[in-house]
Amino acid sequence: MKVVRDYDPIVFASEFRSPDAMLKQFLRRSAATTKEAGRRAHFLAKPTHAARKRRGNLLERRRAAEGELDPFRARG
């Protein structure tokens, strides 16, 4: 028999006592799968323009603090 993780939506009838138990577990797993997919999508999302801009500002501030006032000058 296949061991099924909590969020795995694949269900085998042989795992359950009754059709009701199977349905209940399937619904629970489906909800967990949806939640997990949402979480993954959140972290895989492309960075927004605002985030890039914020990062640029941070780098610029750090360089200024290091004494390099012109952030666009080539380092060397």
PDB file of N, CA and C in Angstrom:
ATOM      1  N   MET A   1       0.837  -1.198   0.000  1.00  0.00           N
ATOM      2  CA  MET A   1       0.000   0.000   0.000  1.00  0.00           C
ATOM      3  C   MET A   1       0.878   1.257   0.000  1.00  0.00           C
ATOM      4  N   LYS A   2       0.484   2.261  -0.757  1.00  0.00           N
ATOM      5  CA  LYS A   2       1.252   3.501  -0.872  1.00  0.00           C
ATOM      6  C   LYS A   2       1.074   4.360   0.383  1.00  0.00           C
ATOM      7  N   VAL A   3       2.172   4.860   0.914  1.00  0.00           N
ATOM      8  CA  VAL A   3       2.085   5.768   2.063  1.00  0.00           C
ATOM      9  C   VAL A   3       1.835   7.160   1.503  1.00  0.00           C
ATOM     10  N   VAL A   4       0.793   7.810   1.989  1.00  0.00           N
ATOM     11  CA  VAL A   4       0.400   9.102   1.438  1.00  0.00           C
ATOM     12  C   VAL A   4       0.694  10.215   2.436  1.00  0.00           C
ATOM     13  N   ARG A   5       1.399  11.253   1.962  1.00  0.00           N
ATOM     14  CA  ARG A   5       1.674  12.400   2.829  1.00  0.00           C
ATOM     15  C   ARG A   5       0.396  13.200   3.019  1.00  0.00           C
ATOM     16  N   ASP A   6       0.366  14.026   4.042  1.00  0.00           N
ATOM     17  CA  ASP A   6      -0.824  14.818   4.381  1.00  0.00           C
ATOM     18  C   ASP A   6      -1.407  15.606   3.219  1.00  0.00           C
ATOM     19  N   TYR A   7      -0.526  16.254   2.424  1.00  0.00           N
ATOM     20  CA  TYR A   7      -1.043  17.131   1.384  1.00  0.00           C
ATOM     21  C   TYR A   7      -1.142  16.461   0.020  1.00  0.00           C
ATOM     22  N   ASP A   8      -0.916  15.156  -0.032  1.00  0.00           N
ATOM     23  CA  ASP A   8      -0.999  14.431  -1.296  1.00  0.00           C
ATOM     24  C   ASP A   8      -2.464  14.125  -1.616  1.00  0.00           C
ATOM     25  N   PRO A   9      -3.015  14.673  -2.708  1.00  0.00           N
ATOM     26  CA  PRO A   9      -4.439  14.476  -3.000  1.00  0.00           C
ATOM     27  C   PRO A   9      -4.786  13.095  -3.570  1.00  0.00           C
ATOM     28  N   ILE A  10      -3.773  12.253  -3.826  1.00  0.00           N
ATOM     29  CA  ILE A  10      -4.067  10.927  -4.381  1.00  0.00           C
ATOM     30  C   ILE A  10      -4.583  10.017  -3.269  1.00  0.00           C
ATOM     31  N   VAL A  11      -5.770   9.468  -3.479  1.00  0.00           N
ATOM     32  CA  VAL A  11      -6.419   8.657  -2.444  1.00  0.00           C
ATOM     33  C   VAL A  11      -6.757   7.284  -3.009  1.00  0.00           C
ATOM     34  N   PHE A  12      -6.463   6.244  -2.243  1.00  0.00           N
ATOM     35  CA  PHE A  12      -6.836   4.885  -2.641  1.00  0.00           C
ATOM     36  C   PHE A  12      -7.925   4.371  -1.708  1.00  0.00           C
ATOM     37  N   ALA A  13      -8.947   3.736  -2.270  1.00  0.00           N
ATOM     38  CA  ALA A  13     -10.078   3.249  -1.481  1.00  0.00           C
ATOM     39  C   ALA A  13      -9.635   2.280  -0.388  1.00  0.00           C
ATOM     40  N   SER A  14      -8.580   1.506  -0.659  1.00  0.00           N
ATOM     41  CA  SER A  14      -8.117   0.504   0.306  1.00  0.00           C
ATOM     42  C   SER A  14      -7.597   1.126   1.609  1.00  0.00           C
ATOM     43  N   GLU A  15      -7.327   2.441   1.600  1.00  0.00           N
ATOM     44  CA  GLU A  15      -6.796   3.104   2.799  1.00  0.00           C
ATOM     45  C   GLU A  15      -7.875   3.421   3.828  1.00  0.00           C
ATOM     46  N   PHE A  16      -9.144   3.333   3.448  1.00  0.00           N
ATOM     47  CA  PHE A  16     -10.201   3.862   4.311  1.00  0.00           C
ATOM     48  C   PHE A  16     -11.247   2.838   4.719  1.00  0.00           C
ATOM     49  N   ARG A  17     -11.852   3.108   5.883  1.00  0.00           N
ATOM     50  CA  ARG A  17     -12.897   2.228   6.421  1.00  0.00           C
ATOM     51  C   ARG A  17     -14.186   2.338   5.618  1.00  0.00           C
ATOM     52  N   SER A  18     -14.526   3.568   5.211  1.00  0.00           N
ATOM     53  CA  SER A  18     -15.800   3.783   4.519  1.00  0.00           C
ATOM     54  C   SER A  18     -15.647   4.870   3.454  1.00  0.00           C
ATOM     55  N   PRO A  19     -16.595   4.930   2.522  1.00  0.00           N
ATOM     56  CA  PRO A  19     -16.546   5.988   1.496  1.00  0.00           C
ATOM     57  C   PRO A  19     -16.585   7.389   2.118  1.00  0.00           C
ATOM     58  N   ASP A  20     -17.320   7.533   3.231  1.00  0.00           N
ATOM     59  CA  ASP A  20     -17.397   8.842   3.899  1.00  0.00           C
ATOM     60  C   ASP A  20     -16.034   9.273   4.437  1.00  0.00           C
ATOM     61  N   ALA A  21     -15.344   8.300   5.050  1.00  0.00           N
ATOM     62  CA  ALA A  21     -14.013   8.597   5.592  1.00  0.00           C
ATOM     63  C   ALA A  21     -13.073   9.000   4.456  1.00  0.00           C
ATOM     64  N   MET A  22     -13.212   8.321   3.321  1.00  0.00           N
ATOM     65  CA  MET A  22     -12.373   8.612   2.166  1.00  0.00           C
ATOM     66  C   MET A  22     -12.639  10.037   1.666  1.00  0.00           C
ATOM     67  N   LEU A  23     -13.903  10.392   1.541  1.00  0.00           N
ATOM     68  CA  LEU A  23     -14.272  11.715   1.051  1.00  0.00           C
ATOM     69  C   LEU A  23     -13.753  12.814   1.984  1.00  0.00           C
ATOM     70  N   LYS A  24     -13.931  12.594   3.278  1.00  0.00           N
ATOM     71  CA  LYS A  24     -13.503  13.573   4.276  1.00  0.00           C
ATOM     72  C   LYS A  24     -11.991  13.820   4.183  1.00  0.00           C
ATOM     73  N   GLN A  25     -11.250  12.730   4.106  1.00  0.00           N
ATOM     74  CA  GLN A  25      -9.789  12.828   4.030  1.00  0.00           C
ATOM     75  C   GLN A  25      -9.356  13.480   2.712  1.00  0.00           C
ATOM     76  N   PHE A  26     -10.048  13.135   1.638  1.00  0.00           N
ATOM     77  CA  PHE A  26      -9.714  13.704   0.337  1.00  0.00           C
ATOM     78  C   PHE A  26      -9.900  15.224   0.347  1.00  0.00           C
ATOM     79  N   LEU A  27     -11.013  15.672   0.942  1.00  0.00           N
ATOM     80  CA  LEU A  27     -11.282  17.110   1.008  1.00  0.00           C
ATOM     81  C   LEU A  27     -10.212  17.820   1.839  1.00  0.00           C
ATOM     82  N   ARG A  28      -9.811  17.193   2.933  1.00  0.00           N
ATOM     83  CA  ARG A  28      -8.777  17.773   3.797  1.00  0.00           C
ATOM     84  C   ARG A  28      -7.450  17.885   3.036  1.00  0.00           C
ATOM     85  N   ARG A  29      -7.103  16.833   2.302  1.00  0.00           N
ATOM     86  CA  ARG A  29      -5.846  16.844   1.541  1.00  0.00           C
ATOM     87  C   ARG A  29      -5.891  17.868   0.423  1.00  0.00           C
ATOM     88  N   SER A  30      -7.043  17.994  -0.217  1.00  0.00           N
ATOM     89  CA  SER A  30      -7.174  18.960  -1.314  1.00  0.00           C
ATOM     90  C   SER A  30      -6.960  20.375  -0.794  1.00  0.00           C
ATOM     91  N   ALA A  31      -7.553  20.662   0.374  1.00  0.00           N
ATOM     92  CA  ALA A  31      -7.406  21.994   0.967  1.00  0.00           C
ATOM     93  C   ALA A  31      -5.938  22.256   1.293  1.00  0.00           C
ATOM     94  N   ALA A  32      -5.262  21.246   1.836  1.00  0.00           N
ATOM     95  CA  ALA A  32      -3.847  21.394   2.189  1.00  0.00           C
ATOM     96  C   ALA A  32      -3.001  21.612   0.935  1.00  0.00           C
ATOM     97  N   THR A  33      -3.351  20.926  -0.149  1.00  0.00           N
ATOM     98  CA  THR A  33      -2.605  21.061  -1.404  1.00  0.00           C
ATOM     99  C   THR A  33      -2.758  22.475  -1.947  1.00  0.00           C
ATOM    100  N   THR A  34      -3.980  22.979  -1.909  1.00  0.00           N
ATOM    101  CA  THR A  34      -4.253  24.327  -2.406  1.00  0.00           C
ATOM    102  C   THR A  34      -3.460  25.350  -1.600  1.00  0.00           C
ATOM    103  N   LYS A  35      -3.455  25.175  -0.284  1.00  0.00           N
ATOM    104  CA  LYS A  35      -2.747  26.103   0.594  1.00  0.00           C
ATOM    105  C   LYS A  35      -1.245  26.072   0.295  1.00  0.00           C
ATOM    106  N   GLU A  36      -0.712  24.862   0.140  1.00  0.00           N
ATOM    107  CA  GLU A  36       0.718  24.692  -0.141  1.00  0.00           C
ATOM    108  C   GLU A  36       1.080  25.334  -1.483  1.00  0.00           C
ATOM    109  N   ALA A  37       0.228  25.146  -2.486  1.00  0.00           N
ATOM    110  CA  ALA A  37       0.481  25.722  -3.813  1.00  0.00           C
ATOM    111  C   ALA A  37       0.495  27.245  -3.731  1.00  0.00           C
ATOM    112  N   GLY A  38      -0.421  27.798  -2.944  1.00  0.00           N
ATOM    113  CA  GLY A  38      -0.479  29.251  -2.765  1.00  0.00           C
ATOM    114  C   GLY A  38       0.786  29.783  -2.123  1.00  0.00           C
ATOM    115  N   ARG A  39       1.264  29.037  -1.138  1.00  0.00           N
ATOM    116  CA  ARG A  39       2.490  29.428  -0.437  1.00  0.00           C
ATOM    117  C   ARG A  39       3.677  29.413  -1.396  1.00  0.00           C
ATOM    118  N   ARG A  40       3.744  28.361  -2.230  1.00  0.00           N
ATOM    119  CA  ARG A  40       4.850  28.268  -3.200  1.00  0.00           C
ATOM    120  C   ARG A  40       4.783  29.418  -4.193  1.00  0.00           C
ATOM    121  N   ALA A  41       3.582  29.707  -4.679  1.00  0.00           N
ATOM    122  CA  ALA A  41       3.411  30.779  -5.662  1.00  0.00           C
ATOM    123  C   ALA A  41       3.883  32.103  -5.071  1.00  0.00           C
ATOM    124  N   HIS A  42       3.604  32.289  -3.775  1.00  0.00           N
ATOM    125  CA  HIS A  42       3.996  33.529  -3.104  1.00  0.00           C
ATOM    126  C   HIS A  42       5.512  33.712  -3.155  1.00  0.00           C
ATOM    127  N   PHE A  43       6.257  32.625  -2.891  1.00  0.00           N
ATOM    128  CA  PHE A  43       7.710  32.739  -2.861  1.00  0.00           C
ATOM    129  C   PHE A  43       8.338  32.724  -4.248  1.00  0.00           C
ATOM    130  N   LEU A  44       7.640  32.164  -5.223  1.00  0.00           N
ATOM    131  CA  LEU A  44       8.182  32.107  -6.578  1.00  0.00           C
ATOM    132  C   LEU A  44       7.829  33.343  -7.398  1.00  0.00           C
ATOM    133  N   ALA A  45       7.006  34.222  -6.825  1.00  0.00           N
ATOM    134  CA  ALA A  45       6.558  35.406  -7.558  1.00  0.00           C
ATOM    135  C   ALA A  45       7.756  36.244  -8.002  1.00  0.00           C
ATOM    136  N   LYS A  46       7.652  36.811  -9.183  1.00  0.00           N
ATOM    137  CA  LYS A  46       8.722  37.655  -9.697  1.00  0.00           C
ATOM    138  C   LYS A  46       8.797  38.926  -8.840  1.00  0.00           C
ATOM    139  N   PRO A  47      10.016  39.423  -8.596  1.00  0.00           N
ATOM    140  CA  PRO A  47      10.114  40.644  -7.801  1.00  0.00           C
ATOM    141  C   PRO A  47       9.469  41.809  -8.554  1.00  0.00           C
ATOM    142  N   THR A  48       8.788  42.653  -7.835  1.00  0.00           N
ATOM    143  CA  THR A  48       8.100  43.784  -8.469  1.00  0.00           C
ATOM    144  C   THR A  48       9.097  44.907  -8.734  1.00  0.00           C
ATOM    145  N   HIS A  49       8.659  45.842  -9.532  1.00  0.00           N
ATOM    146  CA  HIS A  49       9.520  46.993  -9.823  1.00  0.00           C
ATOM    147  C   HIS A  49       9.855  47.732  -8.526  1.00  0.00           C
ATOM    148  N   ALA A  50       8.857  47.866  -7.649  1.00  0.00           N
ATOM    149  CA  ALA A  50       9.060  48.577  -6.383  1.00  0.00           C
ATOM    150  C   ALA A  50      10.159  47.906  -5.557  1.00  0.00           C
ATOM    151  N   ALA A  51      10.170  46.572  -5.577  1.00  0.00           N
ATOM    152  CA  ALA A  51      11.182  45.841  -4.809  1.00  0.00           C
ATOM    153  C   ALA A  51      12.576  46.084  -5.392  1.00  0.00           C
ATOM    154  N   ARG A  52      12.670  46.110  -6.719  1.00  0.00           N
ATOM    155  CA  ARG A  52      13.965  46.377  -7.365  1.00  0.00           C
ATOM    156  C   ARG A  52      14.454  47.785  -7.023  1.00  0.00           C
ATOM    157  N   LYS A  53      13.510  48.722  -7.056  1.00  0.00           N
ATOM    158  CA  LYS A  53      13.836  50.114  -6.769  1.00  0.00           C
ATOM    159  C   LYS A  53      14.331  50.249  -5.324  1.00  0.00           C
ATOM    160  N   ARG A  54      13.631  49.574  -4.410  1.00  0.00           N
ATOM    161  CA  ARG A  54      13.998  49.604  -2.993  1.00  0.00           C
ATOM    162  C   ARG A  54      15.411  49.036  -2.804  1.00  0.00           C
ATOM    163  N   ARG A  55      15.688  47.944  -3.510  1.00  0.00           N
ATOM    164  CA  ARG A  55      17.012  47.319  -3.410  1.00  0.00           C
ATOM    165  C   ARG A  55      18.089  48.258  -3.955  1.00  0.00           C
ATOM    166  N   GLY A  56      17.778  48.917  -5.061  1.00  0.00           N
ATOM    167  CA  GLY A  56      18.714  49.882  -5.638  1.00  0.00           C
ATOM    168  C   GLY A  56      19.026  50.995  -4.655  1.00  0.00           C
ATOM    169  N   ASN A  57      18.002  51.490  -3.980  1.00  0.00           N
ATOM    170  CA  ASN A  57      18.187  52.555  -2.997  1.00  0.00           C
ATOM    171  C   ASN A  57      19.057  52.092  -1.837  1.00  0.00           C
ATOM    172  N   LEU A  58      18.851  50.854  -1.403  1.00  0.00           N
ATOM    173  CA  LEU A  58      19.651  50.304  -0.301  1.00  0.00           C
ATOM    174  C   LEU A  58      21.120  50.209  -0.701  1.00  0.00           C
ATOM    175  N   LEU A  59      21.364  49.711  -1.921  1.00  0.00           N
ATOM    176  CA  LEU A  59      22.746  49.580  -2.404  1.00  0.00           C
ATOM    177  C   LEU A  59      23.413  50.951  -2.506  1.00  0.00           C
ATOM    178  N   GLU A  60      22.648  51.914  -3.003  1.00  0.00           N
ATOM    179  CA  GLU A  60      23.171  53.269  -3.166  1.00  0.00           C
ATOM    180  C   GLU A  60      23.552  53.853  -1.809  1.00  0.00           C
ATOM    181  N   ARG A  61      22.688  53.666  -0.825  1.00  0.00           N
ATOM    182  CA  ARG A  61      22.948  54.173   0.524  1.00  0.00           C
ATOM    183  C   ARG A  61      24.181  53.508   1.136  1.00  0.00           C
ATOM    184  N   ARG A  62      24.299  52.198   0.923  1.00  0.00           N
ATOM    185  CA  ARG A  62      25.441  51.453   1.469  1.00  0.00           C
ATOM    186  C   ARG A  62      26.750  51.944   0.845  1.00  0.00           C
ATOM    187  N   ARG A  63      26.730  52.154  -0.472  1.00  0.00           N
ATOM    188  CA  ARG A  63      27.944  52.641  -1.150  1.00  0.00           C
ATOM    189  C   ARG A  63      28.320  54.038  -0.668  1.00  0.00           C
ATOM    190  N   ALA A  64      27.307  54.874  -0.468  1.00  0.00           N
ATOM    191  CA  ALA A  64      27.560  56.232   0.021  1.00  0.00           C
ATOM    192  C   ALA A  64      28.188  56.164   1.416  1.00  0.00           C
ATOM    193  N   ALA A  65      27.707  55.248   2.234  1.00  0.00           N
ATOM    194  CA  ALA A  65      28.236  55.082   3.592  1.00  0.00           C
ATOM    195  C   ALA A  65      29.684  54.584   3.563  1.00  0.00           C
ATOM    196  N   GLU A  66      30.023  53.806   2.530  1.00  0.00           N
ATOM    197  CA  GLU A  66      31.397  53.289   2.400  1.00  0.00           C
ATOM    198  C   GLU A  66      32.348  54.359   1.866  1.00  0.00           C
ATOM    199  N   GLY A  67      31.795  55.491   1.472  1.00  0.00           N
ATOM    200  CA  GLY A  67      32.646  56.577   0.994  1.00  0.00           C
ATOM    201  C   GLY A  67      32.629  56.751  -0.513  1.00  0.00           C
ATOM    202  N   GLU A  68      31.946  55.871  -1.205  1.00  0.00           N
ATOM    203  CA  GLU A  68      31.855  56.009  -2.660  1.00  0.00           C
ATOM    204  C   GLU A  68      30.564  56.763  -2.968  1.00  0.00           C
ATOM    205  N   LEU A  69      30.691  58.070  -3.148  1.00  0.00           N
ATOM    206  CA  LEU A  69      29.502  58.905  -3.273  1.00  0.00           C
ATOM    207  C   LEU A  69      28.788  58.753  -4.608  1.00  0.00           C
ATOM    208  N   ASP A  70      29.537  58.484  -5.677  1.00  0.00           N
ATOM    209  CA  ASP A  70      28.896  58.312  -6.977  1.00  0.00           C
ATOM    210  C   ASP A  70      28.625  56.823  -7.211  1.00  0.00           C
ATOM    211  N   PRO A  71      27.368  56.385  -7.019  1.00  0.00           N
ATOM    212  CA  PRO A  71      27.062  54.952  -7.128  1.00  0.00           C
ATOM    213  C   PRO A  71      27.201  54.402  -8.541  1.00  0.00           C
ATOM    214  N   PHE A  72      27.267  55.315  -9.561  1.00  0.00           N
ATOM    215  CA  PHE A  72      27.323  54.842 -10.940  1.00  0.00           C
ATOM    216  C   PHE A  72      28.754  54.732 -11.461  1.00  0.00           C
ATOM    217  N   ARG A  73      29.722  55.233 -10.673  1.00  0.00           N
ATOM    218  CA  ARG A  73      31.121  55.142 -11.090  1.00  0.00           C
ATOM    219  C   ARG A  73      31.601  53.695 -10.978  1.00  0.00           C
ATOM    220  N   ALA A  74      32.376  53.263 -11.945  1.00  0.00           N
ATOM    221  CA  ALA A  74      32.864  51.875 -11.920  1.00  0.00           C
ATOM    222  C   ALA A  74      33.762  51.675 -10.703  1.00  0.00           C
ATOM    223  N   ARG A  75      33.563  50.544 -10.049  1.00  0.00           N
ATOM    224  CA  ARG A  75      34.409  50.244  -8.882  1.00  0.00           C
ATOM    225  C   ARG A  75      35.732  49.673  -9.374  1.00  0.00           C
ATOM    226  N   GLY A  76      36.796  49.920  -8.629  1.00  0.00           N
ATOM    227  CA  GLY A  76      38.029  49.326  -9.065  1.00  0.00           C
ATOM    228  C   GLY A  76      39.137  49.753  -8.187  1.00  0.00           C
TER     229      GLY A  76
END
